[in-house]
Amino acid sequence: MGADEKDEAPRIVEELGSSHVMIMRNHGLLTTGRSVPEAFLQLYRLERACQTQIDAGAAGTIAGCMSDKYISVVRRATSLAL
């Protein structure tokens, strides 16, 4: 782990808070768990959710399967992503 990565770790931990998953812009997905299998399961589920959202967007059905409130929350969250 390089110096930059060590400096960034406290910020990532703070941003993660009590969540077990994070989508990091230009870096990918980050998951945590009480064990490696639990973290892997979190990663698998998050990746599947992302793929479902991409597929729905490609099919033009994303607006029909999410509320406007949820879409605004996702847009706000992705604008704040790491």
PDB file of N, CA and C in Angstrom:
ATOM      1  N   MET A   1       0.852  -1.175   0.000  1.00  0.00           N
ATOM      2  CA  MET A   1       0.000   0.000   0.000  1.00  0.00           C
ATOM      3  C   MET A   1       0.897   1.236   0.000  1.00  0.00           C
ATOM      4  N   GLY A   2       0.676   2.119  -0.947  1.00  0.00           N
ATOM      5  CA  GLY A   2       1.479   3.329  -1.058  1.00  0.00           C
ATOM      6  C   GLY A   2       1.058   4.399  -0.062  1.00  0.00           C
ATOM      7  N   ALA A   3       1.844   5.461   0.010  1.00  0.00           N
ATOM      8  CA  ALA A   3       1.574   6.551   0.954  1.00  0.00           C
ATOM      9  C   ALA A   3       0.225   7.204   0.701  1.00  0.00           C
ATOM     10  N   ASP A   4      -0.110   7.404  -0.573  1.00  0.00           N
ATOM     11  CA  ASP A   4      -1.395   8.022  -0.892  1.00  0.00           C
ATOM     12  C   ASP A   4      -2.552   7.165  -0.413  1.00  0.00           C
ATOM     13  N   GLU A   5      -2.434   5.851  -0.566  1.00  0.00           N
ATOM     14  CA  GLU A   5      -3.488   4.943  -0.141  1.00  0.00           C
ATOM     15  C   GLU A   5      -3.648   4.963   1.377  1.00  0.00           C
ATOM     16  N   LYS A   6      -2.542   5.041   2.101  1.00  0.00           N
ATOM     17  CA  LYS A   6      -2.615   5.105   3.563  1.00  0.00           C
ATOM     18  C   LYS A   6      -3.268   6.395   4.016  1.00  0.00           C
ATOM     19  N   ASP A   7      -2.993   7.486   3.334  1.00  0.00           N
ATOM     20  CA  ASP A   7      -3.598   8.775   3.680  1.00  0.00           C
ATOM     21  C   ASP A   7      -5.090   8.786   3.388  1.00  0.00           C
ATOM     22  N   GLU A   8      -5.509   8.034   2.398  1.00  0.00           N
ATOM     23  CA  GLU A   8      -6.905   8.018   1.985  1.00  0.00           C
ATOM     24  C   GLU A   8      -7.765   7.091   2.850  1.00  0.00           C
ATOM     25  N   ALA A   9      -7.163   6.129   3.508  1.00  0.00           N
ATOM     26  CA  ALA A   9      -7.908   5.129   4.269  1.00  0.00           C
ATOM     27  C   ALA A   9      -8.834   5.740   5.331  1.00  0.00           C
ATOM     28  N   PRO A  10      -8.381   6.686   6.160  1.00  0.00           N
ATOM     29  CA  PRO A  10      -9.296   7.247   7.164  1.00  0.00           C
ATOM     30  C   PRO A  10     -10.513   7.935   6.536  1.00  0.00           C
ATOM     31  N   ARG A  11     -10.323   8.589   5.402  1.00  0.00           N
ATOM     32  CA  ARG A  11     -11.440   9.254   4.732  1.00  0.00           C
ATOM     33  C   ARG A  11     -12.441   8.227   4.211  1.00  0.00           C
ATOM     34  N   ILE A  12     -11.950   7.135   3.665  1.00  0.00           N
ATOM     35  CA  ILE A  12     -12.832   6.093   3.162  1.00  0.00           C
ATOM     36  C   ILE A  12     -13.619   5.474   4.309  1.00  0.00           C
ATOM     37  N   VAL A  13     -12.955   5.203   5.410  1.00  0.00           N
ATOM     38  CA  VAL A  13     -13.631   4.638   6.580  1.00  0.00           C
ATOM     39  C   VAL A  13     -14.717   5.581   7.072  1.00  0.00           C
ATOM     40  N   GLU A  14     -14.422   6.871   7.116  1.00  0.00           N
ATOM     41  CA  GLU A  14     -15.409   7.861   7.557  1.00  0.00           C
ATOM     42  C   GLU A  14     -16.603   7.904   6.606  1.00  0.00           C
ATOM     43  N   GLU A  15     -16.335   7.918   5.311  1.00  0.00           N
ATOM     44  CA  GLU A  15     -17.410   7.970   4.319  1.00  0.00           C
ATOM     45  C   GLU A  15     -18.248   6.697   4.338  1.00  0.00           C
ATOM     46  N   LEU A  16     -17.617   5.563   4.595  1.00  0.00           N
ATOM     47  CA  LEU A  16     -18.323   4.292   4.642  1.00  0.00           C
ATOM     48  C   LEU A  16     -19.306   4.258   5.812  1.00  0.00           C
ATOM     49  N   GLY A  17     -18.911   4.860   6.924  1.00  0.00           N
ATOM     50  CA  GLY A  17     -19.798   4.909   8.088  1.00  0.00           C
ATOM     51  C   GLY A  17     -20.228   3.519   8.513  1.00  0.00           C
ATOM     52  N   SER A  18     -21.534   3.334   8.715  1.00  0.00           N
ATOM     53  CA  SER A  18     -22.042   2.030   9.152  1.00  0.00           C
ATOM     54  C   SER A  18     -22.433   1.149   7.969  1.00  0.00           C
ATOM     55  N   SER A  19     -22.248   1.656   6.750  1.00  0.00           N
ATOM     56  CA  SER A  19     -22.579   0.887   5.559  1.00  0.00           C
ATOM     57  C   SER A  19     -21.520  -0.180   5.311  1.00  0.00           C
ATOM     58  N   HIS A  20     -21.906  -1.197   4.583  1.00  0.00           N
ATOM     59  CA  HIS A  20     -20.964  -2.263   4.235  1.00  0.00           C
ATOM     60  C   HIS A  20     -20.586  -2.233   2.768  1.00  0.00           C
ATOM     61  N   VAL A  21     -21.140  -1.279   2.021  1.00  0.00           N
ATOM     62  CA  VAL A  21     -20.840  -1.193   0.591  1.00  0.00           C
ATOM     63  C   VAL A  21     -20.586   0.255   0.187  1.00  0.00           C
ATOM     64  N   MET A  22     -19.736   0.436  -0.820  1.00  0.00           N
ATOM     65  CA  MET A  22     -19.444   1.765  -1.345  1.00  0.00           C
ATOM     66  C   MET A  22     -19.118   1.634  -2.828  1.00  0.00           C
ATOM     67  N   ILE A  23     -19.647   2.562  -3.605  1.00  0.00           N
ATOM     68  CA  ILE A  23     -19.289   2.639  -5.019  1.00  0.00           C
ATOM     69  C   ILE A  23     -18.350   3.821  -5.158  1.00  0.00           C
ATOM     70  N   MET A  24     -17.116   3.549  -5.526  1.00  0.00           N
ATOM     71  CA  MET A  24     -16.096   4.584  -5.607  1.00  0.00           C
ATOM     72  C   MET A  24     -15.863   4.956  -7.064  1.00  0.00           C
ATOM     73  N   ARG A  25     -16.193   6.196  -7.389  1.00  0.00           N
ATOM     74  CA  ARG A  25     -16.029   6.671  -8.765  1.00  0.00           C
ATOM     75  C   ARG A  25     -14.581   6.450  -9.219  1.00  0.00           C
ATOM     76  N   ASN A  26     -14.432   5.881 -10.399  1.00  0.00           N
ATOM     77  CA  ASN A  26     -13.134   5.583 -11.021  1.00  0.00           C
ATOM     78  C   ASN A  26     -12.320   4.524 -10.279  1.00  0.00           C
ATOM     79  N   HIS A  27     -12.912   3.888  -9.261  1.00  0.00           N
ATOM     80  CA  HIS A  27     -12.172   2.859  -8.521  1.00  0.00           C
ATOM     81  C   HIS A  27     -12.952   1.554  -8.392  1.00  0.00           C
ATOM     82  N   GLY A  28     -14.263   1.603  -8.524  1.00  0.00           N
ATOM     83  CA  GLY A  28     -15.044   0.373  -8.454  1.00  0.00           C
ATOM     84  C   GLY A  28     -15.806   0.223  -7.158  1.00  0.00           C
ATOM     85  N   LEU A  29     -16.063  -1.017  -6.818  1.00  0.00           N
ATOM     86  CA  LEU A  29     -16.891  -1.345  -5.672  1.00  0.00           C
ATOM     87  C   LEU A  29     -16.024  -1.710  -4.476  1.00  0.00           C
ATOM     88  N   LEU A  30     -16.502  -1.339  -3.297  1.00  0.00           N
ATOM     89  CA  LEU A  30     -15.826  -1.678  -2.050  1.00  0.00           C
ATOM     90  C   LEU A  30     -16.866  -2.291  -1.125  1.00  0.00           C
ATOM     91  N   THR A  31     -16.555  -3.430  -0.544  1.00  0.00           N
ATOM     92  CA  THR A  31     -17.462  -4.050   0.415  1.00  0.00           C
ATOM     93  C   THR A  31     -16.688  -4.480   1.643  1.00  0.00           C
ATOM     94  N   THR A  32     -17.398  -4.561   2.752  1.00  0.00           N
ATOM     95  CA  THR A  32     -16.810  -5.035   3.998  1.00  0.00           C
ATOM     96  C   THR A  32     -17.728  -6.086   4.593  1.00  0.00           C
ATOM     97  N   GLY A  33     -17.227  -6.812   5.551  1.00  0.00           N
ATOM     98  CA  GLY A  33     -18.027  -7.813   6.244  1.00  0.00           C
ATOM     99  C   GLY A  33     -17.282  -8.304   7.464  1.00  0.00           C
ATOM    100  N   ARG A  34     -17.982  -9.090   8.271  1.00  0.00           N
ATOM    101  CA  ARG A  34     -17.345  -9.649   9.468  1.00  0.00           C
ATOM    102  C   ARG A  34     -16.384 -10.777   9.105  1.00  0.00           C
ATOM    103  N   SER A  35     -16.495 -11.259   7.857  1.00  0.00           N
ATOM    104  CA  SER A  35     -15.623 -12.323   7.366  1.00  0.00           C
ATOM    105  C   SER A  35     -15.435 -12.119   5.870  1.00  0.00           C
ATOM    106  N   VAL A  36     -14.476 -12.831   5.303  1.00  0.00           N
ATOM    107  CA  VAL A  36     -14.259 -12.746   3.859  1.00  0.00           C
ATOM    108  C   VAL A  36     -15.479 -13.253   3.096  1.00  0.00           C
ATOM    109  N   PRO A  37     -16.098 -14.379   3.490  1.00  0.00           N
ATOM    110  CA  PRO A  37     -17.298 -14.813   2.770  1.00  0.00           C
ATOM    111  C   PRO A  37     -18.436 -13.784   2.835  1.00  0.00           C
ATOM    112  N   GLU A  38     -18.615 -13.125   3.965  1.00  0.00           N
ATOM    113  CA  GLU A  38     -19.654 -12.113   4.079  1.00  0.00           C
ATOM    114  C   GLU A  38     -19.355 -10.914   3.170  1.00  0.00           C
ATOM    115  N   ALA A  39     -18.106 -10.469   3.138  1.00  0.00           N
ATOM    116  CA  ALA A  39     -17.722  -9.353   2.256  1.00  0.00           C
ATOM    117  C   ALA A  39     -17.909  -9.753   0.796  1.00  0.00           C
ATOM    118  N   PHE A  40     -17.575 -10.990   0.454  1.00  0.00           N
ATOM    119  CA  PHE A  40     -17.768 -11.463  -0.916  1.00  0.00           C
ATOM    120  C   PHE A  40     -19.246 -11.470  -1.288  1.00  0.00           C
ATOM    121  N   LEU A  41     -20.107 -11.929  -0.381  1.00  0.00           N
ATOM    122  CA  LEU A  41     -21.542 -11.952  -0.650  1.00  0.00           C
ATOM    123  C   LEU A  41     -22.077 -10.538  -0.868  1.00  0.00           C
ATOM    124  N   GLN A  42     -21.591  -9.581  -0.060  1.00  0.00           N
ATOM    125  CA  GLN A  42     -21.967  -8.179  -0.249  1.00  0.00           C
ATOM    126  C   GLN A  42     -21.541  -7.706  -1.642  1.00  0.00           C
ATOM    127  N   LEU A  43     -20.329  -8.057  -2.035  1.00  0.00           N
ATOM    128  CA  LEU A  43     -19.815  -7.673  -3.357  1.00  0.00           C
ATOM    129  C   LEU A  43     -20.651  -8.298  -4.471  1.00  0.00           C
ATOM    130  N   TYR A  44     -20.968  -9.569  -4.337  1.00  0.00           N
ATOM    131  CA  TYR A  44     -21.773 -10.254  -5.343  1.00  0.00           C
ATOM    132  C   TYR A  44     -23.132  -9.574  -5.496  1.00  0.00           C
ATOM    133  N   ARG A  45     -23.790  -9.299  -4.379  1.00  0.00           N
ATOM    134  CA  ARG A  45     -25.117  -8.673  -4.431  1.00  0.00           C
ATOM    135  C   ARG A  45     -25.055  -7.264  -5.009  1.00  0.00           C
ATOM    136  N   LEU A  46     -24.043  -6.498  -4.627  1.00  0.00           N
ATOM    137  CA  LEU A  46     -23.907  -5.139  -5.153  1.00  0.00           C
ATOM    138  C   LEU A  46     -23.639  -5.163  -6.652  1.00  0.00           C
ATOM    139  N   GLU A  47     -22.766  -6.063  -7.083  1.00  0.00           N
ATOM    140  CA  GLU A  47     -22.467  -6.166  -8.515  1.00  0.00           C
ATOM    141  C   GLU A  47     -23.712  -6.553  -9.302  1.00  0.00           C
ATOM    142  N   ARG A  48     -24.508  -7.476  -8.784  1.00  0.00           N
ATOM    143  CA  ARG A  48     -25.744  -7.894  -9.451  1.00  0.00           C
ATOM    144  C   ARG A  48     -26.735  -6.726  -9.501  1.00  0.00           C
ATOM    145  N   ALA A  49     -26.835  -5.946  -8.423  1.00  0.00           N
ATOM    146  CA  ALA A  49     -27.737  -4.789  -8.414  1.00  0.00           C
ATOM    147  C   ALA A  49     -27.296  -3.764  -9.449  1.00  0.00           C
ATOM    148  N   CYS A  50     -25.996  -3.525  -9.541  1.00  0.00           N
ATOM    149  CA  CYS A  50     -25.473  -2.582 -10.539  1.00  0.00           C
ATOM    150  C   CYS A  50     -25.766  -3.076 -11.946  1.00  0.00           C
ATOM    151  N   GLN A  51     -25.562  -4.360 -12.191  1.00  0.00           N
ATOM    152  CA  GLN A  51     -25.815  -4.919 -13.515  1.00  0.00           C
ATOM    153  C   GLN A  51     -27.295  -4.824 -13.867  1.00  0.00           C
ATOM    154  N   THR A  52     -28.166  -5.048 -12.895  1.00  0.00           N
ATOM    155  CA  THR A  52     -29.606  -4.934 -13.127  1.00  0.00           C
ATOM    156  C   THR A  52     -29.973  -3.506 -13.497  1.00  0.00           C
ATOM    157  N   GLN A  53     -29.375  -2.545 -12.801  1.00  0.00           N
ATOM    158  CA  GLN A  53     -29.651  -1.141 -13.099  1.00  0.00           C
ATOM    159  C   GLN A  53     -29.137  -0.767 -14.492  1.00  0.00           C
ATOM    160  N   ILE A  54     -27.975  -1.246 -14.857  1.00  0.00           N
ATOM    161  CA  ILE A  54     -27.432  -0.977 -16.198  1.00  0.00           C
ATOM    162  C   ILE A  54     -28.334  -1.587 -17.265  1.00  0.00           C
ATOM    163  N   ASP A  55     -28.767  -2.826 -17.046  1.00  0.00           N
ATOM    164  CA  ASP A  55     -29.649  -3.494 -18.009  1.00  0.00           C
ATOM    165  C   ASP A  55     -30.981  -2.759 -18.134  1.00  0.00           C
ATOM    166  N   ALA A  56     -31.534  -2.319 -17.004  1.00  0.00           N
ATOM    167  CA  ALA A  56     -32.800  -1.580 -17.042  1.00  0.00           C
ATOM    168  C   ALA A  56     -32.633  -0.261 -17.786  1.00  0.00           C
ATOM    169  N   GLY A  57     -31.523   0.407 -17.570  1.00  0.00           N
ATOM    170  CA  GLY A  57     -31.256   1.661 -18.276  1.00  0.00           C
ATOM    171  C   GLY A  57     -31.112   1.440 -19.772  1.00  0.00           C
ATOM    172  N   ALA A  58     -30.434   0.366 -20.155  1.00  0.00           N
ATOM    173  CA  ALA A  58     -30.248   0.063 -21.574  1.00  0.00           C
ATOM    174  C   ALA A  58     -31.571  -0.282 -22.243  1.00  0.00           C
ATOM    175  N   ALA A  59     -32.473  -0.868 -21.465  1.00  0.00           N
ATOM    176  CA  ALA A  59     -33.781  -1.236 -22.012  1.00  0.00           C
ATOM    177  C   ALA A  59     -34.766  -0.076 -21.979  1.00  0.00           C
ATOM    178  N   GLY A  60     -34.367   1.022 -21.355  1.00  0.00           N
ATOM    179  CA  GLY A  60     -35.241   2.184 -21.266  1.00  0.00           C
ATOM    180  C   GLY A  60     -36.325   2.040 -20.226  1.00  0.00           C
ATOM    181  N   THR A  61     -36.150   1.120 -19.282  1.00  0.00           N
ATOM    182  CA  THR A  61     -37.185   0.879 -18.273  1.00  0.00           C
ATOM    183  C   THR A  61     -36.808   1.359 -16.886  1.00  0.00           C
ATOM    184  N   ILE A  62     -35.672   2.008 -16.749  1.00  0.00           N
ATOM    185  CA  ILE A  62     -35.202   2.392 -15.418  1.00  0.00           C
ATOM    186  C   ILE A  62     -36.160   3.358 -14.720  1.00  0.00           C
ATOM    187  N   ALA A  63     -36.726   4.283 -15.450  1.00  0.00           N
ATOM    188  CA  ALA A  63     -37.637   5.247 -14.829  1.00  0.00           C
ATOM    189  C   ALA A  63     -38.895   4.561 -14.323  1.00  0.00           C
ATOM    190  N   GLY A  64     -39.309   3.488 -14.974  1.00  0.00           N
ATOM    191  CA  GLY A  64     -40.517   2.792 -14.566  1.00  0.00           C
ATOM    192  C   GLY A  64     -40.348   1.916 -13.346  1.00  0.00           C
ATOM    193  N   CYS A  65     -39.112   1.586 -12.976  1.00  0.00           N
ATOM    194  CA  CYS A  65     -38.917   0.678 -11.854  1.00  0.00           C
ATOM    195  C   CYS A  65     -38.369   1.367 -10.611  1.00  0.00           C
ATOM    196  N   MET A  66     -38.167   2.680 -10.666  1.00  0.00           N
ATOM    197  CA  MET A  66     -37.679   3.420  -9.502  1.00  0.00           C
ATOM    198  C   MET A  66     -38.491   4.692  -9.321  1.00  0.00           C
ATOM    199  N   SER A  67     -38.700   5.043  -8.061  1.00  0.00           N
ATOM    200  CA  SER A  67     -39.441   6.271  -7.783  1.00  0.00           C
ATOM    201  C   SER A  67     -38.569   7.491  -8.086  1.00  0.00           C
ATOM    202  N   ASP A  68     -39.224   8.617  -8.317  1.00  0.00           N
ATOM    203  CA  ASP A  68     -38.492   9.866  -8.566  1.00  0.00           C
ATOM    204  C   ASP A  68     -37.617  10.229  -7.375  1.00  0.00           C
ATOM    205  N   LYS A  69     -38.123   9.966  -6.153  1.00  0.00           N
ATOM    206  CA  LYS A  69     -37.348  10.261  -4.944  1.00  0.00           C
ATOM    207  C   LYS A  69     -36.064   9.435  -4.927  1.00  0.00           C
ATOM    208  N   TYR A  70     -36.168   8.143  -5.254  1.00  0.00           N
ATOM    209  CA  TYR A  70     -34.987   7.279  -5.269  1.00  0.00           C
ATOM    210  C   TYR A  70     -33.996   7.740  -6.325  1.00  0.00           C
ATOM    211  N   ILE A  71     -34.486   8.079  -7.499  1.00  0.00           N
ATOM    212  CA  ILE A  71     -33.612   8.544  -8.575  1.00  0.00           C
ATOM    213  C   ILE A  71     -32.869   9.801  -8.147  1.00  0.00           C
ATOM    214  N   SER A  72     -33.545  10.736  -7.459  1.00  0.00           N
ATOM    215  CA  SER A  72     -32.868  11.955  -7.011  1.00  0.00           C
ATOM    216  C   SER A  72     -31.829  11.641  -5.941  1.00  0.00           C
ATOM    217  N   VAL A  73     -32.121  10.677  -5.071  1.00  0.00           N
ATOM    218  CA  VAL A  73     -31.148  10.276  -4.038  1.00  0.00           C
ATOM    219  C   VAL A  73     -29.912   9.670  -4.700  1.00  0.00           C
ATOM    220  N   VAL A  74     -30.115   8.812  -5.702  1.00  0.00           N
ATOM    221  CA  VAL A  74     -28.992   8.179  -6.399  1.00  0.00           C
ATOM    222  C   VAL A  74     -28.172   9.238  -7.132  1.00  0.00           C
ATOM    223  N   ARG A  75     -28.843  10.167  -7.800  1.00  0.00           N
ATOM    224  CA  ARG A  75     -28.108  11.221  -8.503  1.00  0.00           C
ATOM    225  C   ARG A  75     -27.278  12.056  -7.532  1.00  0.00           C
ATOM    226  N   ARG A  76     -27.854  12.410  -6.385  1.00  0.00           N
ATOM    227  CA  ARG A  76     -27.135  13.192  -5.391  1.00  0.00           C
ATOM    228  C   ARG A  76     -25.953  12.383  -4.839  1.00  0.00           C
ATOM    229  N   ALA A  77     -26.180  11.116  -4.549  1.00  0.00           N
ATOM    230  CA  ALA A  77     -25.121  10.276  -3.999  1.00  0.00           C
ATOM    231  C   ALA A  77     -23.981  10.071  -4.991  1.00  0.00           C
ATOM    232  N   THR A  78     -24.328   9.884  -6.254  1.00  0.00           N
ATOM    233  CA  THR A  78     -23.265   9.657  -7.238  1.00  0.00           C
ATOM    234  C   THR A  78     -22.494  10.931  -7.522  1.00  0.00           C
ATOM    235  N   SER A  79     -23.098  12.081  -7.300  1.00  0.00           N
ATOM    236  CA  SER A  79     -22.346  13.331  -7.488  1.00  0.00           C
ATOM    237  C   SER A  79     -21.377  13.546  -6.344  1.00  0.00           C
ATOM    238  N   LEU A  80     -21.589  12.836  -5.211  1.00  0.00           N
ATOM    239  CA  LEU A  80     -20.707  12.959  -4.058  1.00  0.00           C
ATOM    240  C   LEU A  80     -19.734  11.790  -3.948  1.00  0.00           C
ATOM    241  N   ALA A  81     -19.815  10.861  -4.895  1.00  0.00           N
ATOM    242  CA  ALA A  81     -18.993   9.649  -4.821  1.00  0.00           C
ATOM    243  C   ALA A  81     -17.512   9.977  -4.800  1.00  0.00           C
ATOM    244  N   LEU A  82     -16.737   9.093  -4.202  1.00  0.00           N
ATOM    245  CA  LEU A  82     -15.281   9.287  -4.107  1.00  0.00           C
ATOM    246  C   LEU A  82     -14.641   9.233  -5.471  1.00  0.00           C
TER     247      LEU A  82
END
